[in-house]
PDB file of N, CA and C in Angstrom:
ATOM      1  N   MET A   1       0.890  -1.205   0.026  1.00  0.00           N
ATOM      2  CA  MET A   1       0.011   0.010   0.017  1.00  0.00           C
ATOM      3  C   MET A   1       0.884   1.246   0.017  1.00  0.00           C
ATOM      4  N   LYS A   2       0.519   2.157  -0.859  1.00  0.00           N
ATOM      5  CA  LYS A   2       1.228   3.459  -0.935  1.00  0.00           C
ATOM      6  C   LYS A   2       0.832   4.451   0.110  1.00  0.00           C
ATOM      7  N   GLU A   3       1.768   5.056   0.748  1.00  0.00           N
ATOM      8  CA  GLU A   3       1.505   6.113   1.745  1.00  0.00           C
ATOM      9  C   GLU A   3       1.420   7.492   1.087  1.00  0.00           C
ATOM     10  N   ASN A   4       0.663   8.270   1.774  1.00  0.00           N
ATOM     11  CA  ASN A   4       0.487   9.726   1.422  1.00  0.00           C
ATOM     12  C   ASN A   4       0.111   9.957   0.006  1.00  0.00           C
ATOM     13  N   VAL A   5      -0.815   9.112  -0.499  1.00  0.00           N
ATOM     14  CA  VAL A   5      -1.258   9.286  -1.880  1.00  0.00           C
ATOM     15  C   VAL A   5      -2.522  10.197  -1.905  1.00  0.00           C
ATOM     16  N   ILE A   6      -2.470  11.208  -2.691  1.00  0.00           N
ATOM     17  CA  ILE A   6      -3.574  12.204  -2.574  1.00  0.00           C
ATOM     18  C   ILE A   6      -4.702  11.842  -3.602  1.00  0.00           C
ATOM     19  N   THR A   7      -5.839  12.368  -3.245  1.00  0.00           N
ATOM     20  CA  THR A   7      -7.037  12.022  -4.081  1.00  0.00           C
ATOM     21  C   THR A   7      -7.105  13.065  -5.242  1.00  0.00           C
ATOM     22  N   LYS A   8      -8.000  12.794  -6.216  1.00  0.00           N
ATOM     23  CA  LYS A   8      -8.255  13.707  -7.374  1.00  0.00           C
ATOM     24  C   LYS A   8      -8.674  15.043  -6.856  1.00  0.00           C
ATOM     25  N   GLU A   9      -9.569  15.065  -5.863  1.00  0.00           N
ATOM     26  CA  GLU A   9     -10.106  16.363  -5.319  1.00  0.00           C
ATOM     27  C   GLU A   9      -9.007  17.143  -4.621  1.00  0.00           C
ATOM     28  N   ALA A  10      -8.098  16.383  -3.867  1.00  0.00           N
ATOM     29  CA  ALA A  10      -6.975  17.129  -3.193  1.00  0.00           C
ATOM     30  C   ALA A  10      -5.998  17.712  -4.315  1.00  0.00           C
ATOM     31  N   ALA A  11      -5.706  16.978  -5.344  1.00  0.00           N
ATOM     32  CA  ALA A  11      -4.847  17.458  -6.409  1.00  0.00           C
ATOM     33  C   ALA A  11      -5.397  18.715  -6.996  1.00  0.00           C
ATOM     34  N   GLU A  12      -6.671  18.768  -7.206  1.00  0.00           N
ATOM     35  CA  GLU A  12      -7.388  19.941  -7.832  1.00  0.00           C
ATOM     36  C   GLU A  12      -7.321  21.065  -6.826  1.00  0.00           C
ATOM     37  N   GLN A  13      -7.532  20.934  -5.602  1.00  0.00           N
ATOM     38  CA  GLN A  13      -7.469  21.973  -4.600  1.00  0.00           C
ATOM     39  C   GLN A  13      -6.050  22.524  -4.394  1.00  0.00           C
ATOM     40  N   ILE A  14      -5.078  21.631  -4.529  1.00  0.00           N
ATOM     41  CA  ILE A  14      -3.712  22.106  -4.383  1.00  0.00           C
ATOM     42  C   ILE A  14      -3.307  23.052  -5.522  1.00  0.00           C
ATOM     43  N   ALA A  15      -3.779  22.569  -6.803  1.00  0.00           N
ATOM     44  CA  ALA A  15      -3.494  23.429  -7.983  1.00  0.00           C
ATOM     45  C   ALA A  15      -4.230  24.747  -7.939  1.00  0.00           C
ATOM     46  N   VAL A  16      -5.495  24.763  -7.398  1.00  0.00           N
ATOM     47  CA  VAL A  16      -6.295  25.927  -7.420  1.00  0.00           C
ATOM     48  C   VAL A  16      -5.615  26.975  -6.484  1.00  0.00           C
ATOM     49  N   GLU A  17      -5.145  26.417  -5.273  1.00  0.00           N
ATOM     50  CA  GLU A  17      -4.622  27.296  -4.294  1.00  0.00           C
ATOM     51  C   GLU A  17      -3.301  27.940  -4.813  1.00  0.00           C
ATOM     52  N   LEU A  18      -2.468  27.148  -5.449  1.00  0.00           N
ATOM     53  CA  LEU A  18      -1.183  27.587  -6.121  1.00  0.00           C
ATOM     54  C   LEU A  18      -1.484  28.717  -7.070  1.00  0.00           C
ATOM     55  N   LEU A  19      -2.554  28.524  -7.931  1.00  0.00           N
ATOM     56  CA  LEU A  19      -2.809  29.538  -9.060  1.00  0.00           C
ATOM     57  C   LEU A  19      -3.376  30.788  -8.382  1.00  0.00           C
ATOM     58  N   LYS A  20      -4.199  30.665  -7.371  1.00  0.00           N
ATOM     59  CA  LYS A  20      -4.814  31.837  -6.703  1.00  0.00           C
ATOM     60  C   LYS A  20      -3.627  32.666  -6.109  1.00  0.00           C
ATOM     61  N   LYS A  21      -2.681  32.121  -5.544  1.00  0.00           N
ATOM     62  CA  LYS A  21      -1.519  32.831  -4.980  1.00  0.00           C
ATOM     63  C   LYS A  21      -0.600  33.450  -5.994  1.00  0.00           C
ATOM     64  N   ARG A  22      -0.252  32.563  -7.020  1.00  0.00           N
ATOM     65  CA  ARG A  22       0.703  32.912  -7.991  1.00  0.00           C
ATOM     66  C   ARG A  22       0.156  33.892  -8.939  1.00  0.00           C
ATOM     67  N   LYS A  23      -1.054  33.872  -9.308  1.00  0.00           N
ATOM     68  CA  LYS A  23      -1.705  34.785 -10.296  1.00  0.00           C
ATOM     69  C   LYS A  23      -2.523  35.884  -9.689  1.00  0.00           C
ATOM     70  N   CYS A  24      -2.664  35.959  -8.317  1.00  0.00           N
ATOM     71  CA  CYS A  24      -3.386  36.937  -7.598  1.00  0.00           C
ATOM     72  C   CYS A  24      -4.922  37.050  -8.188  1.00  0.00           C
ATOM     73  N   THR A  25      -5.473  35.935  -8.230  1.00  0.00           N
ATOM     74  CA  THR A  25      -6.880  35.858  -8.768  1.00  0.00           C
ATOM     75  C   THR A  25      -7.730  34.949  -7.851  1.00  0.00           C
ATOM     76  N   GLU A  26      -9.012  35.232  -7.838  1.00  0.00           N
ATOM     77  CA  GLU A  26      -9.974  34.332  -7.003  1.00  0.00           C
ATOM     78  C   GLU A  26     -10.706  33.342  -7.999  1.00  0.00           C
ATOM     79  N   ARG A  27     -10.518  33.612  -9.307  1.00  0.00           N
ATOM     80  CA  ARG A  27     -11.286  32.794 -10.391  1.00  0.00           C
ATOM     81  C   ARG A  27     -10.331  31.864 -10.993  1.00  0.00           C
ATOM     82  N   VAL A  28     -10.409  30.552 -10.723  1.00  0.00           N
ATOM     83  CA  VAL A  28      -9.683  29.578 -11.381  1.00  0.00           C
ATOM     84  C   VAL A  28     -10.653  28.499 -11.918  1.00  0.00           C
ATOM     85  N   GLU A  29     -10.703  28.223 -13.182  1.00  0.00           N
ATOM     86  CA  GLU A  29     -11.581  27.267 -13.798  1.00  0.00           C
ATOM     87  C   GLU A  29     -10.808  26.045 -14.210  1.00  0.00           C
ATOM     88  N   VAL A  30     -11.057  24.987 -13.478  1.00  0.00           N
ATOM     89  CA  VAL A  30     -10.417  23.674 -13.860  1.00  0.00           C
ATOM     90  C   VAL A  30     -11.208  22.919 -14.798  1.00  0.00           C
ATOM     91  N   SER A  31     -10.611  22.514 -15.968  1.00  0.00           N
ATOM     92  CA  SER A  31     -11.265  21.760 -16.912  1.00  0.00           C
ATOM     93  C   SER A  31     -11.117  20.263 -16.858  1.00  0.00           C
ATOM     94  N   THR A  32      -9.887  19.825 -16.455  1.00  0.00           N
ATOM     95  CA  THR A  32      -9.652  18.358 -16.269  1.00  0.00           C
ATOM     96  C   THR A  32      -8.691  18.145 -15.219  1.00  0.00           C
ATOM     97  N   VAL A  33      -8.867  16.965 -14.582  1.00  0.00           N
ATOM     98  CA  VAL A  33      -7.870  16.526 -13.503  1.00  0.00           C
ATOM     99  C   VAL A  33      -7.703  14.953 -13.871  1.00  0.00           C
ATOM    100  N   GLU A  34      -6.493  14.646 -14.243  1.00  0.00           N
ATOM    101  CA  GLU A  34      -6.306  13.249 -14.639  1.00  0.00           C
ATOM    102  C   GLU A  34      -4.953  12.714 -13.996  1.00  0.00           C
ATOM    103  N   GLN A  35      -4.894  11.465 -13.845  1.00  0.00           N
ATOM    104  CA  GLN A  35      -3.686  10.804 -13.297  1.00  0.00           C
ATOM    105  C   GLN A  35      -3.015   9.975 -14.380  1.00  0.00           C
ATOM    106  N   ASN A  36      -1.708  10.227 -14.487  1.00  0.00           N
ATOM    107  CA  ASN A  36      -0.923   9.514 -15.470  1.00  0.00           C
ATOM    108  C   ASN A  36       0.239   8.923 -14.657  1.00  0.00           C
ATOM    109  N   HIS A  37       0.159   7.583 -14.353  1.00  0.00           N
ATOM    110  CA  HIS A  37       1.064   6.874 -13.503  1.00  0.00           C
ATOM    111  C   HIS A  37       1.063   7.458 -12.131  1.00  0.00           C
ATOM    112  N   GLU A  38       2.117   8.040 -11.710  1.00  0.00           N
ATOM    113  CA  GLU A  38       2.136   8.636 -10.330  1.00  0.00           C
ATOM    114  C   GLU A  38       1.984  10.134 -10.346  1.00  0.00           C
ATOM    115  N   ILE A  39       1.608  10.734 -11.460  1.00  0.00           N
ATOM    116  CA  ILE A  39       1.557  12.157 -11.595  1.00  0.00           C
ATOM    117  C   ILE A  39       0.051  12.591 -11.810  1.00  0.00           C
ATOM    118  N   TRP A  40      -0.347  13.609 -11.055  1.00  0.00           N
ATOM    119  CA  TRP A  40      -1.620  14.235 -11.268  1.00  0.00           C
ATOM    120  C   TRP A  40      -1.470  15.451 -12.239  1.00  0.00           C
ATOM    121  N   ILE A  41      -2.297  15.618 -13.251  1.00  0.00           N
ATOM    122  CA  ILE A  41      -2.231  16.679 -14.160  1.00  0.00           C
ATOM    123  C   ILE A  41      -3.531  17.452 -14.078  1.00  0.00           C
ATOM    124  N   VAL A  42      -3.486  18.742 -13.707  1.00  0.00           N
ATOM    125  CA  VAL A  42      -4.646  19.578 -13.536  1.00  0.00           C
ATOM    126  C   VAL A  42      -4.542  20.664 -14.594  1.00  0.00           C
ATOM    127  N   ARG A  43      -5.534  20.830 -15.386  1.00  0.00           N
ATOM    128  CA  ARG A  43      -5.587  21.782 -16.505  1.00  0.00           C
ATOM    129  C   ARG A  43      -6.841  22.725 -16.399  1.00  0.00           C
ATOM    130  N   GLY A  44      -6.689  23.892 -16.900  1.00  0.00           N
ATOM    131  CA  GLY A  44      -7.838  24.778 -16.986  1.00  0.00           C
ATOM    132  C   GLY A  44      -7.415  26.175 -17.304  1.00  0.00           C
ATOM    133  N   THR A  45      -8.208  27.190 -17.047  1.00  0.00           N
ATOM    134  CA  THR A  45      -7.969  28.584 -17.343  1.00  0.00           C
ATOM    135  C   THR A  45      -8.076  29.446 -16.123  1.00  0.00           C
ATOM    136  N   CYS A  46      -7.533  30.647 -16.165  1.00  0.00           N
ATOM    137  CA  CYS A  46      -7.659  31.653 -15.131  1.00  0.00           C
ATOM    138  C   CYS A  46      -7.552  33.017 -15.856  1.00  0.00           C
ATOM    139  N   PRO A  47      -8.201  34.049 -15.338  1.00  0.00           N
ATOM    140  CA  PRO A  47      -8.040  35.338 -15.872  1.00  0.00           C
ATOM    141  C   PRO A  47      -6.748  36.044 -15.378  1.00  0.00           C
ATOM    142  N   ILE A  48      -6.173  36.889 -16.320  1.00  0.00           N
ATOM    143  CA  ILE A  48      -5.014  37.704 -15.882  1.00  0.00           C
ATOM    144  C   ILE A  48      -5.266  39.078 -16.422  1.00  0.00           C
ATOM    145  N   ASP A  49      -4.549  40.015 -15.888  1.00  0.00           N
ATOM    146  CA  ASP A  49      -4.602  41.428 -16.289  1.00  0.00           C
ATOM    147  C   ASP A  49      -3.242  41.769 -16.955  1.00  0.00           C
ATOM    148  N   MET A  50      -3.286  42.153 -18.254  1.00  0.00           N
ATOM    149  CA  MET A  50      -2.038  42.493 -18.929  1.00  0.00           C
ATOM    150  C   MET A  50      -2.178  43.982 -19.256  1.00  0.00           C
ATOM    151  N   GLU A  51      -1.478  44.831 -18.467  1.00  0.00           N
ATOM    152  CA  GLU A  51      -1.488  46.266 -18.677  1.00  0.00           C
ATOM    153  C   GLU A  51      -2.914  46.866 -18.859  1.00  0.00           C
ATOM    154  N   GLY A  52      -3.779  46.463 -17.894  1.00  0.00           N
ATOM    155  CA  GLY A  52      -5.167  46.857 -17.850  1.00  0.00           C
ATOM    156  C   GLY A  52      -6.137  46.237 -18.807  1.00  0.00           C
ATOM    157  N   HIS A  53      -5.675  45.259 -19.506  1.00  0.00           N
ATOM    158  CA  HIS A  53      -6.623  44.475 -20.394  1.00  0.00           C
ATOM    159  C   HIS A  53      -6.809  43.069 -19.837  1.00  0.00           C
ATOM    160  N   PRO A  54      -7.982  42.560 -19.738  1.00  0.00           N
ATOM    161  CA  PRO A  54      -8.235  41.274 -19.280  1.00  0.00           C
ATOM    162  C   PRO A  54      -7.969  40.134 -20.402  1.00  0.00           C
ATOM    163  N   TRP A  55      -7.181  39.159 -19.970  1.00  0.00           N
ATOM    164  CA  TRP A  55      -6.945  38.045 -20.799  1.00  0.00           C
ATOM    165  C   TRP A  55      -7.164  36.727 -20.110  1.00  0.00           C
ATOM    166  N   ALA A  56      -7.304  35.684 -20.884  1.00  0.00           N
ATOM    167  CA  ALA A  56      -7.423  34.297 -20.261  1.00  0.00           C
ATOM    168  C   ALA A  56      -6.055  33.641 -20.453  1.00  0.00           C
ATOM    169  N   GLU A  57      -5.749  32.875 -19.443  1.00  0.00           N
ATOM    170  CA  GLU A  57      -4.464  32.115 -19.545  1.00  0.00           C
ATOM    171  C   GLU A  57      -4.758  30.661 -19.238  1.00  0.00           C
ATOM    172  N   LYS A  58      -4.307  29.807 -20.061  1.00  0.00           N
ATOM    173  CA  LYS A  58      -4.482  28.343 -19.683  1.00  0.00           C
ATOM    174  C   LYS A  58      -3.222  27.857 -18.944  1.00  0.00           C
ATOM    175  N   PHE A  59      -3.583  26.863 -18.053  1.00  0.00           N
ATOM    176  CA  PHE A  59      -2.458  26.381 -17.256  1.00  0.00           C
ATOM    177  C   PHE A  59      -2.533  24.822 -17.164  1.00  0.00           C
ATOM    178  N   GLU A  60      -1.363  24.343 -16.784  1.00  0.00           N
ATOM    179  CA  GLU A  60      -1.183  22.895 -16.631  1.00  0.00           C
ATOM    180  C   GLU A  60      -0.298  22.770 -15.380  1.00  0.00           C
ATOM    181  N   VAL A  61      -0.823  22.138 -14.307  1.00  0.00           N
ATOM    182  CA  VAL A  61      -0.022  21.957 -13.092  1.00  0.00           C
ATOM    183  C   VAL A  61       0.067  20.492 -12.901  1.00  0.00           C
ATOM    184  N   MET A  62       1.359  20.046 -12.616  1.00  0.00           N
ATOM    185  CA  MET A  62       1.693  18.603 -12.449  1.00  0.00           C
ATOM    186  C   MET A  62       2.079  18.395 -11.053  1.00  0.00           C
ATOM    187  N   LEU A  63       1.501  17.481 -10.356  1.00  0.00           N
ATOM    188  CA  LEU A  63       1.756  17.134  -8.977  1.00  0.00           C
ATOM    189  C   LEU A  63       2.136  15.692  -8.776  1.00  0.00           C
ATOM    190  N   ASP A  64       3.006  15.443  -7.829  1.00  0.00           N
ATOM    191  CA  ASP A  64       3.327  14.011  -7.609  1.00  0.00           C
ATOM    192  C   ASP A  64       2.271  13.448  -6.727  1.00  0.00           C
ATOM    193  N   SER A  65       2.353  12.124  -6.450  1.00  0.00           N
ATOM    194  CA  SER A  65       1.338  11.444  -5.587  1.00  0.00           C
ATOM    195  C   SER A  65       1.177  11.910  -4.230  1.00  0.00           C
ATOM    196  N   ARG A  66       2.155  12.672  -3.716  1.00  0.00           N
ATOM    197  CA  ARG A  66       2.044  13.251  -2.367  1.00  0.00           C
ATOM    198  C   ARG A  66       1.568  14.751  -2.372  1.00  0.00           C
ATOM    199  N   GLY A  67       1.310  15.335  -3.598  1.00  0.00           N
ATOM    200  CA  GLY A  67       0.777  16.623  -3.583  1.00  0.00           C
ATOM    201  C   GLY A  67       1.769  17.702  -3.821  1.00  0.00           C
ATOM    202  N   ARG A  68       2.990  17.260  -4.049  1.00  0.00           N
ATOM    203  CA  ARG A  68       4.049  18.313  -4.220  1.00  0.00           C
ATOM    204  C   ARG A  68       3.980  18.738  -5.766  1.00  0.00           C
ATOM    205  N   VAL A  69       4.050  20.072  -5.987  1.00  0.00           N
ATOM    206  CA  VAL A  69       4.066  20.570  -7.325  1.00  0.00           C
ATOM    207  C   VAL A  69       5.376  20.249  -8.076  1.00  0.00           C
ATOM    208  N   LYS A  70       5.267  19.508  -9.166  1.00  0.00           N
ATOM    209  CA  LYS A  70       6.412  19.228  -9.943  1.00  0.00           C
ATOM    210  C   LYS A  70       6.655  20.259 -11.155  1.00  0.00           C
ATOM    211  N   SER A  71       5.602  20.822 -11.605  1.00  0.00           N
ATOM    212  CA  SER A  71       5.786  21.870 -12.695  1.00  0.00           C
ATOM    213  C   SER A  71       4.439  22.595 -12.796  1.00  0.00           C
ATOM    214  N   ALA A  72       4.510  23.862 -13.366  1.00  0.00           N
ATOM    215  CA  ALA A  72       3.341  24.632 -13.651  1.00  0.00           C
ATOM    216  C   ALA A  72       3.619  25.401 -14.905  1.00  0.00           C
ATOM    217  N   ASP A  73       2.912  25.200 -15.911  1.00  0.00           N
ATOM    218  CA  ASP A  73       3.054  25.904 -17.249  1.00  0.00           C
ATOM    219  C   ASP A  73       1.864  26.672 -17.579  1.00  0.00           C
ATOM    220  N   PHE A  74       2.132  27.850 -18.089  1.00  0.00           N
ATOM    221  CA  PHE A  74       1.067  28.831 -18.437  1.00  0.00           C
ATOM    222  C   PHE A  74       1.249  29.315 -19.927  1.00  0.00           C
ATOM    223  N   ALA A  75       0.054  29.593 -20.483  1.00  0.00           N
ATOM    224  CA  ALA A  75       0.142  30.161 -21.906  1.00  0.00           C
ATOM    225  C   ALA A  75      -1.137  30.974 -22.161  1.00  0.00           C
ATOM    226  N   LEU A  76      -0.948  32.044 -22.868  1.00  0.00           N
ATOM    227  CA  LEU A  76      -2.159  32.965 -23.148  1.00  0.00           C
ATOM    228  C   LEU A  76      -3.028  32.208 -24.153  1.00  0.00           C
ATOM    229  N   LEU A  77      -4.287  32.323 -24.069  1.00  0.00           N
ATOM    230  CA  LEU A  77      -5.225  31.784 -25.026  1.00  0.00           C
ATOM    231  C   LEU A  77      -5.323  32.709 -26.262  1.00  0.00           C
TER     232      LEU A  77
END
């Protein structure tokens, strides 16, 4: 039995909290949460402000089975 394995809901919550802090936003829209071997992949969009103009940015956050962030990638839509 594996110890400290997080659930799908926990992986989503960790990613949302990371994005709220890093992007200074309260709105984070998660589109998918999937597990690939020992890695959770959380994808979605969040709004950002670029020089006074609202934009949407897509994200992909990868977490290990214990909930530690392995990577976070962002790209404008």
